[in-house]
């Protein structure tokens, strides 16, 4: 990465190209998104193009995760959701699944101290009970260790399915109706949202998908009804701090109408 030397108050400092993008994000006329969600796609293709096993792509993808988490923190974004493992991913070769789960465990253990130092609060969405025991325990320990942090909320979508989440919410509401705890006539969007696994998080303002694919892939289907979409051809392991800031700047340039007509459009 090229570095530009700048002198500030008599002290020589190194500035990356991303620093200028970050200043533009923070100085924008529209605030940064309150919640960014990312479908991290392209690890396998990244490895294939280099003649490497798919596990190498997943390992390179971990470095991209760290870059983006730090970038989101720098941009003062309150919440970041990463689609780490879907329920459909269990259909992949056993060797690849094993490598992903091992990476999840190793990364959680290795990065926990830095997450705590950065005041990041880790949470998880999905069927965590369906993960292998040691992997699940590592995630739950990290969640517990960071639960009192007040900075960026990092939500990992693990063993996650948008359709399964909606069905789960319906089942929870139906059970409460049977118990007389909820009046069916009182069920509205607010009630339904409170029974989703993302309860407590705002809906994503911005959804980023890497590798050029243009589909939601069963990700946050209810929550992304009015989310702004940003698709880039960049494969996830190559997704940089600068790429993240460019996506946020693109979001800040848009006019969000939520189905309404603004005064400027008549």
Protein backbone atom coordinates (compact mmCIF):
# COMPACT_ATOMS: atom_id res chain seq x y z
CA UNK A 1 0.00 0.00 0.00
CA UNK A 2 1.43 3.40 -0.94
CA UNK A 3 1.99 5.84 1.87
CA UNK A 4 2.07 9.62 1.63
CA UNK A 5 4.24 11.56 4.02
CA UNK A 6 2.55 14.54 5.60
CA UNK A 7 3.82 16.99 8.17
CA UNK A 8 1.43 17.99 10.93
CA UNK A 9 2.40 20.26 13.80
CA UNK A 10 6.05 19.64 13.09
CA UNK A 11 5.73 15.86 13.36
CA UNK A 12 6.25 13.68 10.30
CA UNK A 13 3.46 11.14 10.02
CA UNK A 14 2.50 8.51 7.48
CA UNK A 15 -0.90 8.75 5.84
CA UNK A 16 -2.58 6.09 3.78
CA UNK A 17 -4.97 6.81 0.89
CA UNK A 18 -7.76 5.52 3.10
CA UNK A 19 -7.26 8.33 5.58
CA UNK A 20 -8.57 10.89 3.10
CA UNK A 21 -11.61 8.67 2.42
CA UNK A 22 -12.21 8.38 6.17
CA UNK A 23 -12.14 12.16 6.58
CA UNK A 24 -14.73 12.46 3.81
CA UNK A 25 -16.93 9.86 5.51
CA UNK A 26 -16.79 11.68 8.84
CA UNK A 27 -17.30 15.11 7.26
CA UNK A 28 -20.13 14.04 4.94
CA UNK A 29 -23.36 16.02 4.80
CA UNK A 30 -25.21 12.76 5.53
CA UNK A 31 -24.20 10.61 8.52
CA UNK A 32 -22.56 7.22 8.02
CA UNK A 33 -24.89 4.19 8.19
CA UNK A 34 -25.88 3.12 11.66
CA UNK A 35 -25.70 -0.56 10.72
CA UNK A 36 -23.68 -2.13 7.90
CA UNK A 37 -24.19 -5.76 6.87
CA UNK A 38 -21.77 -7.63 4.61
CA UNK A 39 -22.10 -10.80 2.55
CA UNK A 40 -18.44 -11.82 2.41
CA UNK A 41 -18.22 -13.65 -0.91
CA UNK A 42 -15.31 -14.79 -3.08
CA UNK A 43 -12.90 -16.66 -0.81
CA UNK A 44 -13.02 -19.80 -2.95
CA UNK A 45 -12.53 -17.97 -6.24
CA UNK A 46 -9.66 -15.96 -4.73
CA UNK A 47 -7.88 -19.20 -3.85
CA UNK A 48 -8.73 -20.90 -7.15
CA UNK A 49 -7.21 -18.06 -9.18
CA UNK A 50 -3.96 -18.57 -7.27
CA UNK A 51 -3.94 -22.34 -7.53
CA UNK A 52 -4.49 -22.67 -3.78
CA UNK A 53 -6.90 -24.80 -1.74
CA UNK A 54 -10.18 -23.13 -0.76
CA UNK A 55 -9.05 -23.11 2.87
CA UNK A 56 -6.33 -20.61 1.88
CA UNK A 57 -9.04 -18.29 0.60
CA UNK A 58 -10.92 -18.51 3.88
CA UNK A 59 -7.73 -17.78 5.80
CA UNK A 60 -7.08 -14.72 3.61
CA UNK A 61 -10.69 -13.70 4.22
CA UNK A 62 -10.02 -13.51 7.96
CA UNK A 63 -7.51 -10.72 7.34
CA UNK A 64 -10.20 -8.83 5.42
CA UNK A 65 -12.58 -9.25 8.37
CA UNK A 66 -10.06 -7.63 10.68
CA UNK A 67 -9.50 -4.72 8.26
CA UNK A 68 -13.21 -4.07 7.93
CA UNK A 69 -13.95 -4.29 11.66
CA UNK A 70 -11.26 -1.70 12.35
CA UNK A 71 -12.50 0.48 9.46
CA UNK A 72 -16.07 0.38 10.78
CA UNK A 73 -14.78 1.42 14.19
CA UNK A 74 -12.82 4.29 12.64
CA UNK A 75 -15.90 5.45 10.73
CA UNK A 76 -17.89 5.48 13.98
CA UNK A 77 -20.43 2.99 12.67
CA UNK A 78 -22.43 1.58 15.61
CA UNK A 79 -23.13 -1.92 14.26
CA UNK A 80 -21.57 -4.31 11.75
CA UNK A 81 -23.06 -7.69 10.77
CA UNK A 82 -20.92 -10.22 8.89
CA UNK A 83 -22.46 -13.25 7.16
CA UNK A 84 -19.86 -15.75 8.37
CA UNK A 85 -21.56 -19.13 7.83
CA UNK A 86 -24.98 -20.01 6.46
CA UNK A 87 -27.07 -23.10 7.11
CA UNK A 88 -26.62 -23.92 3.41
CA UNK A 89 -22.83 -23.97 3.88
CA UNK A 90 -23.14 -27.36 5.61
CA UNK A 91 -23.56 -28.78 2.11
CA UNK A 92 -19.94 -27.96 1.24
CA UNK A 93 -17.16 -30.61 1.34
CA UNK A 94 -16.41 -31.80 4.87
CA UNK A 95 -12.77 -30.75 4.60
CA UNK A 96 -13.76 -27.18 3.78
CA UNK A 97 -16.30 -27.02 6.61
CA UNK A 98 -13.67 -28.32 9.02
CA UNK A 99 -11.22 -25.63 7.88
CA UNK A 100 -13.83 -22.89 8.30
CA UNK A 101 -14.75 -24.05 11.80
CA UNK A 102 -11.09 -24.29 12.79
CA UNK A 103 -10.50 -20.75 11.51
CA UNK A 104 -13.53 -19.52 13.44
CA UNK A 105 -12.15 -21.01 16.64
CA UNK A 106 -8.57 -19.81 16.12
CA UNK A 107 -9.60 -16.30 15.10
CA UNK A 108 -11.99 -15.89 18.01
CA UNK A 109 -9.32 -16.94 20.48
CA UNK A 110 -6.58 -14.86 18.86
CA UNK A 111 -8.51 -11.64 18.35
CA UNK A 112 -10.48 -11.57 21.59
CA UNK A 113 -7.98 -9.39 23.46
CA UNK A 114 -7.88 -6.80 20.68
CA UNK A 115 -11.67 -6.74 20.41
CA UNK A 116 -11.82 -6.02 24.12
CA UNK A 117 -9.15 -3.31 23.86
CA UNK A 118 -11.06 -1.67 20.99
CA UNK A 119 -14.27 -1.73 23.09
CA UNK A 120 -16.00 -3.95 20.49
CA UNK A 121 -19.01 -5.94 21.67
CA UNK A 122 -19.39 -9.32 19.98
CA UNK A 123 -22.81 -10.89 19.47
CA UNK A 124 -24.05 -13.70 17.23
CA UNK A 125 -27.17 -14.36 15.15
CA UNK A 126 -28.21 -17.81 14.00
CA UNK A 127 -28.46 -21.34 15.34
CA UNK A 128 -25.34 -21.22 17.50
CA UNK A 129 -26.35 -24.48 19.21
CA UNK A 130 -25.83 -26.22 15.87
CA UNK A 131 -22.09 -25.44 15.81
CA UNK A 132 -19.48 -27.98 16.97
CA UNK A 133 -19.08 -27.83 20.77
CA UNK A 134 -15.58 -26.32 21.02
CA UNK A 135 -16.36 -23.73 18.33
CA UNK A 136 -19.63 -22.79 20.04
CA UNK A 137 -17.93 -22.46 23.41
CA UNK A 138 -15.27 -20.13 22.00
CA UNK A 139 -17.94 -17.86 20.53
CA UNK A 140 -20.03 -17.84 23.71
CA UNK A 141 -16.97 -17.06 25.83
CA UNK A 142 -16.07 -14.14 23.55
CA UNK A 143 -19.65 -12.85 23.70
CA UNK A 144 -19.60 -13.02 27.48
CA UNK A 145 -16.14 -11.42 27.71
CA UNK A 146 -17.18 -8.39 25.62
CA UNK A 147 -20.81 -8.00 26.75
CA UNK A 148 -20.12 -4.79 28.71
CA UNK A 149 -18.21 -3.07 25.90
CA UNK A 150 -19.86 0.07 24.57
CA UNK A 151 -18.25 0.55 21.15
CA UNK A 152 -18.91 -1.12 17.81
CA UNK A 153 -21.36 -4.01 17.96
CA UNK A 154 -19.93 -6.84 15.83
CA UNK A 155 -22.67 -9.33 14.94
CA UNK A 156 -21.57 -12.64 13.42
CA UNK A 157 -24.28 -14.43 11.45
CA UNK A 158 -23.32 -18.06 12.16
CA UNK A 159 -25.25 -21.11 11.02
CA UNK A 160 -27.76 -18.50 9.89
CA UNK A 161 -30.78 -18.66 7.57
CA UNK A 162 -33.09 -15.72 6.94
CA UNK A 163 -36.07 -17.98 6.24
CA UNK A 164 -35.39 -20.08 9.35
CA UNK A 165 -35.19 -16.91 11.43
CA UNK A 166 -38.60 -15.75 10.18
CA UNK A 167 -40.14 -19.16 10.89
CA UNK A 168 -38.56 -19.16 14.35
CA UNK A 169 -40.11 -15.74 15.09
CA UNK A 170 -43.53 -16.98 13.91
CA UNK A 171 -43.24 -20.00 16.21
CA UNK A 172 -42.33 -17.81 19.20
CA UNK A 173 -45.29 -15.51 18.57
CA UNK A 174 -47.69 -18.44 18.02
CA UNK A 175 -46.62 -19.96 21.34
CA UNK A 176 -47.30 -16.68 23.14
CA UNK A 177 -50.71 -16.38 21.46
CA UNK A 178 -51.60 -19.86 22.74
CA UNK A 179 -50.52 -18.81 26.23
CA UNK A 180 -52.64 -15.67 26.03
CA UNK A 181 -49.59 -13.42 26.24
CA UNK A 182 -50.17 -11.81 22.85
CA UNK A 183 -53.46 -10.75 21.26
CA UNK A 184 -53.38 -11.77 17.56
CA UNK A 185 -54.91 -8.40 16.67
CA UNK A 186 -51.92 -6.68 18.27
CA UNK A 187 -49.32 -8.40 16.08
CA UNK A 188 -47.66 -5.74 13.95
CA UNK A 189 -44.19 -5.14 12.49
CA UNK A 190 -42.84 -3.96 15.83
CA UNK A 191 -44.03 -7.11 17.63
CA UNK A 192 -42.64 -9.33 14.88
CA UNK A 193 -39.28 -7.55 14.88
CA UNK A 194 -38.93 -8.06 18.63
CA UNK A 195 -39.06 -11.82 18.05
CA UNK A 196 -36.29 -11.90 15.46
CA UNK A 197 -32.80 -12.99 16.43
CA UNK A 198 -31.56 -9.49 15.63
CA UNK A 199 -33.81 -7.90 18.26
CA UNK A 200 -31.96 -4.90 19.67
CA UNK A 201 -30.17 -4.11 16.41
CA UNK A 202 -31.52 -1.57 13.92
CA UNK A 203 -32.21 -2.79 10.41
CA UNK A 204 -29.11 -2.50 8.19
CA UNK A 205 -28.82 0.81 6.40
CA UNK A 206 -26.23 -0.57 3.98
CA UNK A 207 -25.65 -4.10 2.67
CA UNK A 208 -22.33 -4.75 0.95
CA UNK A 209 -21.82 -7.84 -1.20
CA UNK A 210 -18.41 -8.68 -2.61
CA UNK A 211 -17.41 -10.76 -5.67
CA UNK A 212 -20.04 -9.27 -7.98
CA UNK A 213 -22.92 -11.59 -7.07
CA UNK A 214 -26.33 -9.89 -7.01
CA UNK A 215 -28.52 -11.83 -4.61
CA UNK A 216 -29.38 -11.81 -0.90
CA UNK A 217 -28.56 -15.50 -0.37
CA UNK A 218 -31.11 -15.94 2.42
CA UNK A 219 -29.51 -13.19 4.51
CA UNK A 220 -31.54 -10.87 6.79
CA UNK A 221 -34.59 -11.17 4.56
CA UNK A 222 -36.96 -9.25 6.85
CA UNK A 223 -34.42 -6.67 7.99
CA UNK A 224 -33.20 -5.59 4.53
CA UNK A 225 -36.56 -4.43 3.15
CA UNK A 226 -35.29 -0.88 2.64
CA UNK A 227 -31.55 -1.43 2.95
CA UNK A 228 -29.30 0.28 0.41
CA UNK A 229 -27.34 -2.30 -1.64
CA UNK A 230 -23.71 -1.94 -2.69
CA UNK A 231 -22.22 -4.64 -4.93
CA UNK A 232 -18.52 -4.75 -5.81
CA UNK A 233 -16.61 -7.16 -8.04
CA UNK A 234 -13.77 -7.25 -5.50
CA UNK A 235 -13.34 -10.69 -3.96
CA UNK A 236 -13.64 -10.69 -0.18
CA UNK A 237 -9.95 -11.41 0.65
CA UNK A 238 -9.00 -8.34 -1.43
CA UNK A 239 -11.62 -6.07 0.16
CA UNK A 240 -9.69 -3.27 1.80
CA UNK A 241 -10.17 -0.48 4.30
CA UNK A 242 -10.42 1.88 1.34
CA UNK A 243 -13.07 -0.30 -0.32
CA UNK A 244 -15.14 -0.15 2.85
CA UNK A 245 -14.94 3.64 3.05
CA UNK A 246 -15.88 3.93 -0.66
CA UNK A 247 -18.98 1.85 -0.01
CA UNK A 248 -19.94 4.10 2.91
CA UNK A 249 -19.35 7.23 0.82
CA UNK A 250 -21.57 5.80 -1.92
CA UNK A 251 -24.28 5.23 0.70
CA UNK A 252 -23.92 8.79 1.95
CA UNK A 253 -24.47 10.12 -1.58
CA UNK A 254 -27.89 8.47 -1.89
CA UNK A 255 -31.31 9.87 -1.07
CA UNK A 256 -33.28 7.39 1.02
CA UNK A 257 -37.03 7.74 0.50
CA UNK A 258 -38.46 4.51 2.03
CA UNK A 259 -41.20 4.44 -0.60
CA UNK A 260 -42.08 8.10 -0.15
CA UNK A 261 -41.59 11.07 -2.48
CA UNK A 262 -39.30 13.83 -1.26
CA UNK A 263 -40.03 17.53 -1.69
CA UNK A 264 -37.11 17.87 -4.12
CA UNK A 265 -38.82 15.38 -6.47
CA UNK A 266 -42.28 16.92 -6.16
